[in-house]
Amino acid sequence: MKRKIITKKDIWIFAALLSLAVAAVFVPQLFADGGRRAVVIYNGEPVLALELDKLDAVKTYTFASVEVEIGPDGARVVKSDCKDQICVRSGLLTKNGDTAACVPEKVVLKIVSEKTAQDVDAVVY
């Protein structure tokens, strides 16, 4: 008589652990949406902070040679004179913690949220 390697009980335990892991990742994000702001930091100083939820149209701002678009959907770097264009390729920043930085021009664009899930970056059990 051969013994089964994986039993039905093992499958149920695996499914329960998998569903707990998925819930631990996605549930905090459901409660961390409110109060998103786009913040522009130039030369180490915050120079602009706009509430994304209160905007009704996309607005364009220029810092040094970096052109930034901020609208109700998010913020992005549109144009920069830097060599690598990494800041431009960062795309639309929408979630808390999203960041685009143009290091040669000393411009940082990031999304911050006042209502975060207790500012937890990671949980290890």
C-alpha atoms as a PDB file:
ATOM      1  CA  MET A   1       0.000   0.000   0.000  1.00  0.00           C
ATOM      2  CA  LYS A   2       1.447   3.310  -1.093  1.00  0.00           C
ATOM      3  CA  ARG A   3       1.150   6.339   1.119  1.00  0.00           C
ATOM      4  CA  LYS A   4      -0.125   9.560  -0.500  1.00  0.00           C
ATOM      5  CA  ILE A   5       2.376  12.383  -0.544  1.00  0.00           C
ATOM      6  CA  ILE A   6      -0.276  15.118  -0.416  1.00  0.00           C
ATOM      7  CA  THR A   7      -3.571  14.500   1.295  1.00  0.00           C
ATOM      8  CA  LYS A   8      -6.821  16.480   1.212  1.00  0.00           C
ATOM      9  CA  LYS A   9      -5.988  17.878   4.623  1.00  0.00           C
ATOM     10  CA  ASP A  10      -2.664  19.222   3.284  1.00  0.00           C
ATOM     11  CA  ILE A  11      -4.450  20.940   0.408  1.00  0.00           C
ATOM     12  CA  TRP A  12      -6.935  22.614   2.793  1.00  0.00           C
ATOM     13  CA  ILE A  13      -4.118  23.851   5.027  1.00  0.00           C
ATOM     14  CA  PHE A  14      -2.187  25.191   2.037  1.00  0.00           C
ATOM     15  CA  ALA A  15      -5.293  26.985   0.697  1.00  0.00           C
ATOM     16  CA  ALA A  16      -5.971  28.567   4.096  1.00  0.00           C
ATOM     17  CA  LEU A  17      -2.385  29.790   4.437  1.00  0.00           C
ATOM     18  CA  LEU A  18      -2.392  31.142   0.894  1.00  0.00           C
ATOM     19  CA  SER A  19      -5.648  33.048   1.440  1.00  0.00           C
ATOM     20  CA  LEU A  20      -4.271  34.552   4.684  1.00  0.00           C
ATOM     21  CA  ALA A  21      -1.128  35.693   2.881  1.00  0.00           C
ATOM     22  CA  VAL A  22      -3.132  37.312   0.083  1.00  0.00           C
ATOM     23  CA  ALA A  23      -5.402  39.049   2.617  1.00  0.00           C
ATOM     24  CA  ALA A  24      -2.387  40.348   4.564  1.00  0.00           C
ATOM     25  CA  VAL A  25      -1.070  41.999   1.406  1.00  0.00           C
ATOM     26  CA  PHE A  26      -4.260  43.509  -0.022  1.00  0.00           C
ATOM     27  CA  VAL A  27      -6.454  44.408   2.971  1.00  0.00           C
ATOM     28  CA  PRO A  28      -4.228  47.259   4.282  1.00  0.00           C
ATOM     29  CA  GLN A  29      -4.255  48.858   0.832  1.00  0.00           C
ATOM     30  CA  LEU A  30      -8.053  49.104   0.941  1.00  0.00           C
ATOM     31  CA  PHE A  31      -7.883  51.425   3.937  1.00  0.00           C
ATOM     32  CA  ALA A  32      -4.960  53.612   2.802  1.00  0.00           C
ATOM     33  CA  ASP A  33      -6.446  55.622  -0.051  1.00  0.00           C
ATOM     34  CA  GLY A  34      -7.485  58.965   1.409  1.00  0.00           C
ATOM     35  CA  GLY A  35      -5.650  62.278   1.400  1.00  0.00           C
ATOM     36  CA  ARG A  36      -3.175  61.717  -1.443  1.00  0.00           C
ATOM     37  CA  ARG A  37      -0.823  64.627  -2.086  1.00  0.00           C
ATOM     38  CA  ALA A  38       1.762  65.205  -4.773  1.00  0.00           C
ATOM     39  CA  VAL A  39       4.890  66.730  -3.270  1.00  0.00           C
ATOM     40  CA  VAL A  40       7.728  68.284  -5.265  1.00  0.00           C
ATOM     41  CA  ILE A  41      11.085  68.649  -3.526  1.00  0.00           C
ATOM     42  CA  TYR A  42      13.675  70.899  -5.196  1.00  0.00           C
ATOM     43  CA  ASN A  43      17.215  71.211  -3.792  1.00  0.00           C
ATOM     44  CA  GLY A  44      16.147  69.310  -0.681  1.00  0.00           C
ATOM     45  CA  GLU A  45      13.282  71.689   0.155  1.00  0.00           C
ATOM     46  CA  PRO A  46       9.570  70.960  -0.415  1.00  0.00           C
ATOM     47  CA  VAL A  47       8.384  73.627  -2.839  1.00  0.00           C
ATOM     48  CA  LEU A  48       4.934  72.345  -3.858  1.00  0.00           C
ATOM     49  CA  ALA A  49       2.277  70.126  -2.284  1.00  0.00           C
ATOM     50  CA  LEU A  50      -1.113  69.600  -3.935  1.00  0.00           C
ATOM     51  CA  GLU A  51      -4.092  67.483  -2.871  1.00  0.00           C
ATOM     52  CA  LEU A  52      -4.822  65.188  -5.822  1.00  0.00           C
ATOM     53  CA  ASP A  53      -8.452  64.647  -4.827  1.00  0.00           C
ATOM     54  CA  LYS A  54      -9.157  68.400  -4.907  1.00  0.00           C
ATOM     55  CA  LEU A  55      -7.782  68.978  -8.412  1.00  0.00           C
ATOM     56  CA  ASP A  56     -10.146  69.081 -11.356  1.00  0.00           C
ATOM     57  CA  ALA A  57      -7.641  69.454 -14.212  1.00  0.00           C
ATOM     58  CA  VAL A  58      -4.046  68.590 -15.011  1.00  0.00           C
ATOM     59  CA  LYS A  59      -1.615  71.414 -14.225  1.00  0.00           C
ATOM     60  CA  THR A  60       1.981  71.749 -15.410  1.00  0.00           C
ATOM     61  CA  TYR A  61       4.840  73.100 -13.281  1.00  0.00           C
ATOM     62  CA  THR A  62       8.512  73.623 -14.136  1.00  0.00           C
ATOM     63  CA  PHE A  63      11.428  73.304 -11.706  1.00  0.00           C
ATOM     64  CA  ALA A  64      14.895  73.906 -13.209  1.00  0.00           C
ATOM     65  CA  SER A  65      14.567  72.027 -16.519  1.00  0.00           C
ATOM     66  CA  VAL A  66      12.119  69.433 -15.167  1.00  0.00           C
ATOM     67  CA  GLU A  67       8.484  69.691 -16.256  1.00  0.00           C
ATOM     68  CA  VAL A  68       5.944  68.049 -13.919  1.00  0.00           C
ATOM     69  CA  GLU A  69       2.232  67.365 -14.566  1.00  0.00           C
ATOM     70  CA  ILE A  70      -0.076  66.995 -11.571  1.00  0.00           C
ATOM     71  CA  GLY A  71      -3.744  66.054 -11.926  1.00  0.00           C
ATOM     72  CA  PRO A  72      -6.546  64.219 -10.128  1.00  0.00           C
ATOM     73  CA  ASP A  73      -5.299  60.823 -11.377  1.00  0.00           C
ATOM     74  CA  GLY A  74      -1.706  61.306 -10.222  1.00  0.00           C
ATOM     75  CA  ALA A  75       1.543  63.056 -11.039  1.00  0.00           C
ATOM     76  CA  ARG A  76       4.358  62.461 -13.500  1.00  0.00           C
ATOM     77  CA  VAL A  77       7.540  63.962 -14.858  1.00  0.00           C
ATOM     78  CA  VAL A  78       6.886  64.928 -18.462  1.00  0.00           C
ATOM     79  CA  LYS A  79      10.190  66.396 -19.591  1.00  0.00           C
ATOM     80  CA  SER A  80      13.728  66.696 -18.287  1.00  0.00           C
ATOM     81  CA  ASP A  81      17.104  67.640 -19.721  1.00  0.00           C
ATOM     82  CA  CYS A  82      18.911  64.864 -17.844  1.00  0.00           C
ATOM     83  CA  LYS A  83      20.793  62.204 -19.782  1.00  0.00           C
ATOM     84  CA  ASP A  84      19.090  58.956 -18.707  1.00  0.00           C
ATOM     85  CA  GLN A  85      15.443  60.129 -18.540  1.00  0.00           C
ATOM     86  CA  ILE A  86      14.729  57.713 -15.677  1.00  0.00           C
ATOM     87  CA  CYS A  87      12.416  60.236 -14.033  1.00  0.00           C
ATOM     88  CA  VAL A  88      10.344  60.547 -17.222  1.00  0.00           C
ATOM     89  CA  ARG A  89      10.160  56.758 -17.648  1.00  0.00           C
ATOM     90  CA  SER A  90       8.807  56.379 -14.096  1.00  0.00           C
ATOM     91  CA  GLY A  91       5.345  57.013 -15.529  1.00  0.00           C
ATOM     92  CA  LEU A  92       2.230  58.116 -13.667  1.00  0.00           C
ATOM     93  CA  LEU A  93       2.618  58.110  -9.891  1.00  0.00           C
ATOM     94  CA  THR A  94      -0.699  57.221  -8.249  1.00  0.00           C
ATOM     95  CA  LYS A  95      -0.146  55.315  -4.997  1.00  0.00           C
ATOM     96  CA  ASN A  96       1.288  56.321  -1.645  1.00  0.00           C
ATOM     97  CA  GLY A  97       5.064  56.002  -1.770  1.00  0.00           C
ATOM     98  CA  ASP A  98       5.443  56.267  -5.555  1.00  0.00           C
ATOM     99  CA  THR A  99       8.505  58.402  -6.320  1.00  0.00           C
ATOM    100  CA  ALA A 100      10.290  59.814  -9.360  1.00  0.00           C
ATOM    101  CA  ALA A 101      13.617  61.594  -8.933  1.00  0.00           C
ATOM    102  CA  CYS A 102      15.753  63.571 -11.359  1.00  0.00           C
ATOM    103  CA  VAL A 103      19.091  63.468  -9.557  1.00  0.00           C
ATOM    104  CA  PRO A 104      21.095  65.808 -11.863  1.00  0.00           C
ATOM    105  CA  GLU A 105      18.430  68.525 -11.534  1.00  0.00           C
ATOM    106  CA  LYS A 106      17.791  67.790  -7.795  1.00  0.00           C
ATOM    107  CA  VAL A 107      14.018  67.393  -8.268  1.00  0.00           C
ATOM    108  CA  VAL A 108      11.986  64.718  -6.483  1.00  0.00           C
ATOM    109  CA  LEU A 109       8.289  64.053  -7.133  1.00  0.00           C
ATOM    110  CA  LYS A 110       6.459  61.772  -4.741  1.00  0.00           C
ATOM    111  CA  ILE A 111       2.965  60.792  -3.669  1.00  0.00           C
ATOM    112  CA  VAL A 112       2.243  60.845   0.050  1.00  0.00           C
ATOM    113  CA  SER A 113      -0.927  59.987   1.904  1.00  0.00           C
ATOM    114  CA  GLU A 114      -2.052  61.333   5.234  1.00  0.00           C
ATOM    115  CA  LYS A 115      -4.217  58.292   5.872  1.00  0.00           C
ATOM    116  CA  THR A 116      -1.774  55.405   5.652  1.00  0.00           C
ATOM    117  CA  ALA A 117      -2.093  51.957   7.109  1.00  0.00           C
ATOM    118  CA  GLN A 118      -0.081  53.022  10.185  1.00  0.00           C
ATOM    119  CA  ASP A 119       2.900  53.671   7.895  1.00  0.00           C
ATOM    120  CA  VAL A 120       3.742  49.964   7.811  1.00  0.00           C
ATOM    121  CA  ASP A 121       6.276  49.051   5.161  1.00  0.00           C
ATOM    122  CA  ALA A 122       6.406  45.305   5.814  1.00  0.00           C
ATOM    123  CA  VAL A 123       5.192  42.769   8.342  1.00  0.00           C
ATOM    124  CA  VAL A 124       7.149  39.654   9.298  1.00  0.00           C
ATOM    125  CA  TYR A 125       5.756  36.940  11.540  1.00  0.00           C
END
